[in-house]
């Protein structure tokens, strides 16, 4: 989504907000199963975690 906003719609600030939110969530140790075989969250939970960093 961040790439689409940046490259298709030239919404740089919005794209950066999403990228920063993802980085924060990963830094918090929150991962989906494809990134961590141990403690992981569902894609729905990951989306909510990212959204909470943006809002």
C-alpha atoms as a PDB file:
ATOM      1  CA  UNK A   1       0.000   0.000   0.000  1.00  0.00           C
ATOM      2  CA  UNK A   2       2.813   2.394   0.866  1.00  0.00           C
ATOM      3  CA  UNK A   3       4.431   1.849  -2.530  1.00  0.00           C
ATOM      4  CA  UNK A   4       1.116   2.362  -4.317  1.00  0.00           C
ATOM      5  CA  UNK A   5       0.526   5.638  -2.487  1.00  0.00           C
ATOM      6  CA  UNK A   6       4.057   6.827  -3.221  1.00  0.00           C
ATOM      7  CA  UNK A   7       4.477   5.756  -6.836  1.00  0.00           C
ATOM      8  CA  UNK A   8       0.937   5.808  -8.220  1.00  0.00           C
ATOM      9  CA  UNK A   9      -0.590   8.733  -6.357  1.00  0.00           C
ATOM     10  CA  UNK A  10       2.490  10.731  -5.295  1.00  0.00           C
ATOM     11  CA  UNK A  11       1.268  10.704  -1.675  1.00  0.00           C
ATOM     12  CA  UNK A  12       4.716  10.722  -0.117  1.00  0.00           C
ATOM     13  CA  UNK A  13       3.758  11.744   3.426  1.00  0.00           C
ATOM     14  CA  UNK A  14       1.010   9.125   3.661  1.00  0.00           C
ATOM     15  CA  UNK A  15       3.351   6.476   2.295  1.00  0.00           C
ATOM     16  CA  UNK A  16       6.012   7.420   4.833  1.00  0.00           C
ATOM     17  CA  UNK A  17       3.439   7.207   7.640  1.00  0.00           C
ATOM     18  CA  UNK A  18       2.630   3.616   6.686  1.00  0.00           C
ATOM     19  CA  UNK A  19       6.275   2.620   6.301  1.00  0.00           C
ATOM     20  CA  UNK A  20       7.141   4.141   9.678  1.00  0.00           C
ATOM     21  CA  UNK A  21       4.202   2.376  11.328  1.00  0.00           C
ATOM     22  CA  UNK A  22       5.317  -0.984   9.934  1.00  0.00           C
ATOM     23  CA  UNK A  23       8.871  -0.374  11.169  1.00  0.00           C
ATOM     24  CA  UNK A  24       7.562   0.525  14.641  1.00  0.00           C
ATOM     25  CA  UNK A  25       5.380  -2.589  14.849  1.00  0.00           C
ATOM     26  CA  UNK A  26       8.253  -4.842  13.803  1.00  0.00           C
ATOM     27  CA  UNK A  27      10.546  -3.096  16.303  1.00  0.00           C
ATOM     28  CA  UNK A  28       7.937  -3.824  18.970  1.00  0.00           C
ATOM     29  CA  UNK A  29       8.430  -7.527  18.213  1.00  0.00           C
ATOM     30  CA  UNK A  30       5.087  -8.066  16.520  1.00  0.00           C
ATOM     31  CA  UNK A  31       5.323 -10.506  13.589  1.00  0.00           C
ATOM     32  CA  UNK A  32       3.030 -12.628  11.435  1.00  0.00           C
ATOM     33  CA  UNK A  33       3.663 -16.361  11.042  1.00  0.00           C
ATOM     34  CA  UNK A  34       5.571 -15.890   7.769  1.00  0.00           C
ATOM     35  CA  UNK A  35       8.142 -13.769   9.619  1.00  0.00           C
ATOM     36  CA  UNK A  36       8.344 -15.678  12.906  1.00  0.00           C
ATOM     37  CA  UNK A  37       7.644 -19.308  13.682  1.00  0.00           C
ATOM     38  CA  UNK A  38       7.354 -18.555  17.384  1.00  0.00           C
ATOM     39  CA  UNK A  39       5.294 -15.740  18.870  1.00  0.00           C
ATOM     40  CA  UNK A  40       3.207 -14.448  15.989  1.00  0.00           C
ATOM     41  CA  UNK A  41      -0.082 -12.664  15.399  1.00  0.00           C
ATOM     42  CA  UNK A  42      -2.762 -13.027  12.738  1.00  0.00           C
ATOM     43  CA  UNK A  43      -2.804 -10.745   9.712  1.00  0.00           C
ATOM     44  CA  UNK A  44      -5.853  -9.029  11.205  1.00  0.00           C
ATOM     45  CA  UNK A  45      -3.954  -8.349  14.426  1.00  0.00           C
ATOM     46  CA  UNK A  46      -0.941  -7.115  12.436  1.00  0.00           C
ATOM     47  CA  UNK A  47      -3.145  -4.735  10.463  1.00  0.00           C
ATOM     48  CA  UNK A  48      -4.664  -3.386  13.661  1.00  0.00           C
ATOM     49  CA  UNK A  49      -1.218  -2.926  15.217  1.00  0.00           C
ATOM     50  CA  UNK A  50      -0.038  -0.961  12.176  1.00  0.00           C
ATOM     51  CA  UNK A  51      -3.227   1.093  12.114  1.00  0.00           C
ATOM     52  CA  UNK A  52      -2.826   1.959  15.793  1.00  0.00           C
ATOM     53  CA  UNK A  53       0.590   3.479  15.033  1.00  0.00           C
ATOM     54  CA  UNK A  54      -0.865   5.666  12.260  1.00  0.00           C
ATOM     55  CA  UNK A  55      -4.004   6.933  13.974  1.00  0.00           C
END
